[in-house]
């Protein structure tokens, strides 16, 4: 004889993480790599220009040295700030992505059970 069945509703809740976690430091490092290269090239340019005017005197040379030092410092400050901004933005985007990839999931299903 076949026993009659009844349906029992079950519920399971969990937090699901979509995709895998992404490292913000790795992204910032990739953004900053070209800036490091630019800074290196600018430093080499400054060294070559300074070696070219080394030992020379006069008002024009003095003004060139002042401008070179001033502009060099400004470039370094700007590039350093850009690198810091990249790290900050990457961290902010990382937090947003981490929040978006979490999803609360509730699963409702029916399970057949035999009547006793």
N, C-alpha and C. Protein backbone atom coordinates (compact mmCIF):
# COMPACT_ATOMS: atom_id res chain seq x y z
N UNK A 1 0.83 -1.18 0.00
CA UNK A 1 0.00 0.00 0.00
C UNK A 1 0.88 1.25 0.00
N UNK A 2 0.52 2.23 -0.78
CA UNK A 2 1.27 3.47 -0.89
C UNK A 2 0.81 4.41 0.21
N UNK A 3 1.81 4.91 0.92
CA UNK A 3 1.47 5.85 1.99
C UNK A 3 1.24 7.23 1.39
N UNK A 4 0.25 7.97 1.87
CA UNK A 4 0.03 9.33 1.35
C UNK A 4 1.16 10.27 1.79
N UNK A 5 1.44 11.27 0.98
CA UNK A 5 2.50 12.25 1.26
C UNK A 5 1.88 13.61 1.57
N UNK A 6 2.57 14.37 2.36
CA UNK A 6 2.17 15.76 2.54
C UNK A 6 3.40 16.63 2.30
N UNK A 7 3.17 17.86 1.89
CA UNK A 7 4.27 18.78 1.60
C UNK A 7 4.60 19.61 2.82
N UNK A 8 5.88 19.68 3.10
CA UNK A 8 6.36 20.51 4.21
C UNK A 8 7.24 21.60 3.59
N UNK A 9 6.98 22.86 3.93
CA UNK A 9 7.77 23.97 3.39
C UNK A 9 8.95 24.24 4.31
N UNK A 10 10.10 24.29 3.72
CA UNK A 10 11.34 24.58 4.47
C UNK A 10 11.91 25.90 3.97
N UNK A 11 12.64 26.58 4.83
CA UNK A 11 13.29 27.85 4.49
C UNK A 11 14.74 27.81 4.95
N UNK A 12 15.61 28.24 4.07
CA UNK A 12 17.04 28.35 4.39
C UNK A 12 17.49 29.74 4.00
N UNK A 13 18.18 30.44 4.90
CA UNK A 13 18.71 31.78 4.61
C UNK A 13 20.23 31.77 4.76
N UNK A 14 20.87 32.52 3.90
CA UNK A 14 22.33 32.61 3.94
C UNK A 14 22.76 33.90 3.26
N UNK A 15 24.00 34.27 3.50
CA UNK A 15 24.59 35.41 2.79
C UNK A 15 25.51 34.85 1.72
N UNK A 16 25.25 35.23 0.48
CA UNK A 16 26.03 34.73 -0.64
C UNK A 16 26.99 35.81 -1.12
N UNK A 17 28.22 35.42 -1.41
CA UNK A 17 29.24 36.34 -1.90
C UNK A 17 29.44 36.08 -3.40
N UNK A 18 29.04 37.04 -4.22
CA UNK A 18 29.24 36.94 -5.66
C UNK A 18 30.67 37.29 -6.00
N UNK A 19 31.19 36.67 -7.00
CA UNK A 19 32.56 36.90 -7.48
C UNK A 19 33.57 36.66 -6.38
N UNK A 20 34.81 36.93 -6.65
CA UNK A 20 35.85 36.78 -5.63
C UNK A 20 36.32 38.16 -5.20
N UNK A 21 36.95 38.21 -4.06
CA UNK A 21 37.42 39.49 -3.54
C UNK A 21 38.55 40.02 -4.41
N UNK A 22 38.57 41.32 -4.59
CA UNK A 22 39.57 41.98 -5.42
C UNK A 22 40.46 42.83 -4.52
N UNK A 23 41.75 42.71 -4.69
CA UNK A 23 42.68 43.47 -3.86
C UNK A 23 42.77 44.92 -4.34
N UNK A 24 42.51 45.84 -3.44
CA UNK A 24 42.60 47.26 -3.79
C UNK A 24 44.06 47.69 -3.95
N UNK A 25 44.94 47.12 -3.17
CA UNK A 25 46.36 47.49 -3.26
C UNK A 25 46.94 47.13 -4.61
N UNK A 26 46.51 45.98 -5.14
CA UNK A 26 47.00 45.55 -6.45
C UNK A 26 46.54 46.51 -7.54
N UNK A 27 45.28 46.95 -7.46
CA UNK A 27 44.75 47.88 -8.45
C UNK A 27 45.47 49.23 -8.36
N UNK A 28 45.68 49.72 -7.14
CA UNK A 28 46.37 50.99 -6.97
C UNK A 28 47.81 50.90 -7.48
N UNK A 29 48.45 49.78 -7.24
CA UNK A 29 49.83 49.60 -7.71
C UNK A 29 49.89 49.63 -9.23
N UNK A 30 48.89 49.03 -9.89
CA UNK A 30 48.85 49.05 -11.35
C UNK A 30 48.59 50.45 -11.89
N UNK A 31 47.78 51.23 -11.17
CA UNK A 31 47.55 52.62 -11.58
C UNK A 31 48.79 53.49 -11.35
N UNK A 32 49.52 53.19 -10.28
CA UNK A 32 50.68 54.02 -9.91
C UNK A 32 51.95 53.66 -10.67
N UNK A 33 52.00 52.50 -11.28
CA UNK A 33 53.22 52.08 -11.99
C UNK A 33 53.64 53.09 -13.06
N UNK A 34 52.73 53.57 -13.92
CA UNK A 34 53.16 54.57 -14.91
C UNK A 34 53.62 55.87 -14.26
N UNK A 35 53.00 56.24 -13.15
CA UNK A 35 53.41 57.47 -12.46
C UNK A 35 54.82 57.35 -11.91
N UNK A 36 55.15 56.16 -11.42
CA UNK A 36 56.52 55.93 -10.93
C UNK A 36 57.52 56.07 -12.08
N UNK A 37 57.13 55.55 -13.25
CA UNK A 37 57.99 55.67 -14.43
C UNK A 37 58.18 57.12 -14.85
N UNK A 38 57.09 57.88 -14.81
CA UNK A 38 57.18 59.30 -15.17
C UNK A 38 58.07 60.03 -14.19
N UNK A 39 57.90 59.75 -12.91
CA UNK A 39 58.73 60.41 -11.89
C UNK A 39 60.20 60.07 -12.09
N UNK A 40 60.48 58.83 -12.42
CA UNK A 40 61.86 58.41 -12.67
C UNK A 40 62.45 59.17 -13.86
N UNK A 41 61.67 59.28 -14.94
CA UNK A 41 62.14 59.99 -16.13
C UNK A 41 62.37 61.48 -15.84
N UNK A 42 61.46 62.07 -15.07
CA UNK A 42 61.63 63.49 -14.72
C UNK A 42 62.87 63.71 -13.86
N UNK A 43 63.14 62.81 -12.95
CA UNK A 43 64.34 62.92 -12.12
C UNK A 43 65.60 62.81 -12.98
N UNK A 44 65.58 61.91 -13.96
CA UNK A 44 66.72 61.78 -14.87
C UNK A 44 66.90 63.05 -15.70
N UNK A 45 65.80 63.62 -16.16
CA UNK A 45 65.85 64.87 -16.92
C UNK A 45 66.45 65.98 -16.07
N UNK A 46 65.99 66.09 -14.81
CA UNK A 46 66.53 67.12 -13.90
C UNK A 46 68.03 66.94 -13.70
N UNK A 47 68.48 65.70 -13.52
CA UNK A 47 69.92 65.44 -13.32
C UNK A 47 70.72 65.87 -14.54
N UNK A 48 70.22 65.53 -15.73
CA UNK A 48 70.93 65.88 -16.96
C UNK A 48 70.98 67.39 -17.15
N UNK A 49 69.88 68.06 -16.86
CA UNK A 49 69.85 69.51 -17.00
C UNK A 49 70.79 70.18 -15.99
N UNK A 50 70.81 69.68 -14.78
CA UNK A 50 71.69 70.24 -13.76
C UNK A 50 73.16 70.01 -14.11
N UNK A 51 73.46 68.83 -14.64
CA UNK A 51 74.85 68.56 -15.02
C UNK A 51 75.27 69.45 -16.20
N UNK A 52 74.31 69.80 -17.04
CA UNK A 52 74.60 70.66 -18.20
C UNK A 52 74.95 72.08 -17.78
N UNK A 53 74.29 72.57 -16.73
CA UNK A 53 74.55 73.96 -16.30
C UNK A 53 75.50 74.04 -15.11
N UNK A 54 76.01 72.88 -14.69
CA UNK A 54 76.94 72.86 -13.55
C UNK A 54 78.21 73.65 -13.86
N UNK A 55 78.62 74.44 -12.91
CA UNK A 55 79.84 75.22 -13.05
C UNK A 55 79.66 76.53 -13.81
N UNK A 56 78.49 76.77 -14.35
CA UNK A 56 78.25 78.01 -15.07
C UNK A 56 77.68 79.04 -14.10
N UNK A 57 77.91 80.30 -14.42
CA UNK A 57 77.45 81.38 -13.55
C UNK A 57 76.73 82.43 -14.37
N UNK A 58 75.99 83.25 -13.67
CA UNK A 58 75.29 84.34 -14.32
C UNK A 58 73.83 84.37 -13.88
N UNK A 59 73.18 85.48 -14.19
CA UNK A 59 71.80 85.67 -13.77
C UNK A 59 70.86 84.66 -14.44
N UNK A 60 71.11 84.39 -15.70
CA UNK A 60 70.24 83.45 -16.43
C UNK A 60 70.39 82.05 -15.84
N UNK A 61 71.62 81.65 -15.59
CA UNK A 61 71.87 80.32 -15.01
C UNK A 61 71.24 80.22 -13.63
N UNK A 62 71.36 81.29 -12.84
CA UNK A 62 70.76 81.31 -11.50
C UNK A 62 69.25 81.14 -11.59
N UNK A 63 68.64 81.86 -12.53
CA UNK A 63 67.19 81.78 -12.73
C UNK A 63 66.78 80.38 -13.22
N UNK A 64 67.56 79.79 -14.10
CA UNK A 64 67.28 78.44 -14.59
C UNK A 64 67.32 77.45 -13.43
N UNK A 65 68.32 77.57 -12.57
CA UNK A 65 68.43 76.66 -11.42
C UNK A 65 67.24 76.82 -10.48
N UNK A 66 66.82 78.06 -10.23
CA UNK A 66 65.68 78.31 -9.35
C UNK A 66 64.40 77.70 -9.94
N UNK A 67 64.18 77.95 -11.23
CA UNK A 67 62.98 77.42 -11.90
C UNK A 67 63.01 75.90 -11.95
N UNK A 68 64.17 75.35 -12.20
CA UNK A 68 64.32 73.89 -12.26
C UNK A 68 63.97 73.27 -10.91
N UNK A 69 64.50 73.83 -9.84
CA UNK A 69 64.21 73.32 -8.50
C UNK A 69 62.73 73.47 -8.16
N UNK A 70 62.18 74.63 -8.48
CA UNK A 70 60.76 74.91 -8.18
C UNK A 70 59.84 73.96 -8.96
N UNK A 71 60.08 73.85 -10.25
CA UNK A 71 59.23 72.99 -11.10
C UNK A 71 59.40 71.51 -10.73
N UNK A 72 60.63 71.13 -10.42
CA UNK A 72 60.89 69.75 -10.03
C UNK A 72 60.13 69.39 -8.76
N UNK A 73 60.15 70.29 -7.79
CA UNK A 73 59.43 70.05 -6.53
C UNK A 73 57.92 70.00 -6.77
N UNK A 74 57.42 70.88 -7.61
CA UNK A 74 55.99 70.87 -7.93
C UNK A 74 55.56 69.56 -8.60
N UNK A 75 56.36 69.10 -9.55
CA UNK A 75 56.04 67.84 -10.24
C UNK A 75 56.02 66.67 -9.27
N UNK A 76 57.00 66.62 -8.39
CA UNK A 76 57.06 65.53 -7.41
C UNK A 76 55.84 65.57 -6.48
N UNK A 77 55.45 66.77 -6.08
CA UNK A 77 54.29 66.92 -5.20
C UNK A 77 53.02 66.45 -5.91
N UNK A 78 52.86 66.86 -7.16
CA UNK A 78 51.66 66.49 -7.92
C UNK A 78 51.60 64.98 -8.13
N UNK A 79 52.70 64.38 -8.53
CA UNK A 79 52.71 62.94 -8.78
C UNK A 79 52.49 62.16 -7.48
N UNK A 80 53.09 62.61 -6.41
CA UNK A 80 52.87 61.95 -5.11
C UNK A 80 51.41 62.04 -4.71
N UNK A 81 50.80 63.19 -4.92
CA UNK A 81 49.37 63.36 -4.61
C UNK A 81 48.50 62.46 -5.49
N UNK A 82 48.85 62.34 -6.76
CA UNK A 82 48.10 61.47 -7.66
C UNK A 82 48.18 60.02 -7.20
N UNK A 83 49.37 59.59 -6.78
CA UNK A 83 49.54 58.22 -6.29
C UNK A 83 48.70 57.99 -5.04
N UNK A 84 48.69 58.95 -4.13
CA UNK A 84 47.89 58.83 -2.91
C UNK A 84 46.40 58.79 -3.25
N UNK A 85 45.98 59.63 -4.20
CA UNK A 85 44.58 59.64 -4.62
C UNK A 85 44.19 58.29 -5.22
N UNK A 86 45.07 57.72 -6.04
CA UNK A 86 44.78 56.41 -6.64
C UNK A 86 44.58 55.35 -5.55
N UNK A 87 45.43 55.37 -4.53
CA UNK A 87 45.30 54.41 -3.44
C UNK A 87 44.00 54.63 -2.67
N UNK A 88 43.66 55.88 -2.44
CA UNK A 88 42.43 56.20 -1.72
C UNK A 88 41.20 55.79 -2.53
N UNK A 89 41.18 56.13 -3.82
CA UNK A 89 40.05 55.78 -4.67
C UNK A 89 39.91 54.26 -4.81
N UNK A 90 41.03 53.59 -4.96
CA UNK A 90 40.98 52.12 -5.08
C UNK A 90 40.41 51.52 -3.80
N UNK A 91 40.79 52.05 -2.65
CA UNK A 91 40.24 51.57 -1.38
C UNK A 91 38.74 51.83 -1.28
N UNK A 92 38.31 53.01 -1.71
CA UNK A 92 36.88 53.34 -1.68
C UNK A 92 36.09 52.43 -2.61
N UNK A 93 36.59 52.24 -3.83
CA UNK A 93 35.91 51.37 -4.78
C UNK A 93 35.88 49.93 -4.28
N UNK A 94 36.96 49.53 -3.62
CA UNK A 94 37.02 48.18 -3.06
C UNK A 94 35.89 47.99 -2.03
N UNK A 95 35.70 48.98 -1.16
CA UNK A 95 34.63 48.89 -0.15
C UNK A 95 33.26 48.84 -0.80
N UNK A 96 33.05 49.64 -1.84
CA UNK A 96 31.76 49.63 -2.54
C UNK A 96 31.52 48.26 -3.18
N UNK A 97 32.52 47.73 -3.84
CA UNK A 97 32.39 46.43 -4.49
C UNK A 97 32.13 45.33 -3.46
N UNK A 98 32.84 45.39 -2.35
CA UNK A 98 32.63 44.38 -1.30
C UNK A 98 31.19 44.42 -0.78
N UNK A 99 30.64 45.62 -0.62
CA UNK A 99 29.26 45.74 -0.16
C UNK A 99 28.26 45.24 -1.20
N UNK A 100 28.55 45.50 -2.47
CA UNK A 100 27.64 45.10 -3.53
C UNK A 100 27.68 43.61 -3.82
N UNK A 101 28.79 42.98 -3.56
CA UNK A 101 28.88 41.56 -3.90
C UNK A 101 28.26 40.65 -2.85
N UNK A 102 27.87 41.20 -1.69
CA UNK A 102 27.18 40.42 -0.67
C UNK A 102 25.69 40.49 -0.92
N UNK A 103 25.05 39.34 -0.88
CA UNK A 103 23.61 39.29 -1.11
C UNK A 103 23.00 38.30 -0.13
N UNK A 104 21.99 38.77 0.60
CA UNK A 104 21.25 37.87 1.47
C UNK A 104 20.29 37.07 0.60
N UNK A 105 20.30 35.77 0.75
CA UNK A 105 19.49 34.88 -0.07
C UNK A 105 18.62 34.03 0.86
N UNK A 106 17.34 33.97 0.54
CA UNK A 106 16.42 33.09 1.27
C UNK A 106 15.81 32.13 0.27
N UNK A 107 15.94 30.86 0.57
CA UNK A 107 15.44 29.82 -0.32
C UNK A 107 14.27 29.12 0.37
N UNK A 108 13.12 29.09 -0.31
CA UNK A 108 11.94 28.38 0.17
C UNK A 108 11.76 27.15 -0.72
N UNK A 109 11.64 26.00 -0.11
CA UNK A 109 11.42 24.79 -0.90
C UNK A 109 10.43 23.88 -0.19
N UNK A 110 9.84 23.01 -0.97
CA UNK A 110 8.85 22.07 -0.43
C UNK A 110 9.45 20.68 -0.43
N UNK A 111 9.21 20.01 0.66
CA UNK A 111 9.76 18.67 0.83
C UNK A 111 8.57 17.73 1.10
N UNK A 112 8.52 16.66 0.35
CA UNK A 112 7.47 15.67 0.55
C UNK A 112 7.84 14.74 1.69
N UNK A 113 6.92 14.56 2.62
CA UNK A 113 7.13 13.64 3.75
C UNK A 113 5.96 12.66 3.79
N UNK A 114 6.23 11.42 4.10
CA UNK A 114 5.13 10.46 4.21
C UNK A 114 4.32 10.71 5.48
N UNK A 115 3.03 10.50 5.40
CA UNK A 115 2.18 10.57 6.57
C UNK A 115 2.39 9.32 7.40
N UNK A 116 2.45 9.50 8.68
CA UNK A 116 2.62 8.31 9.55
C UNK A 116 1.32 7.68 9.91
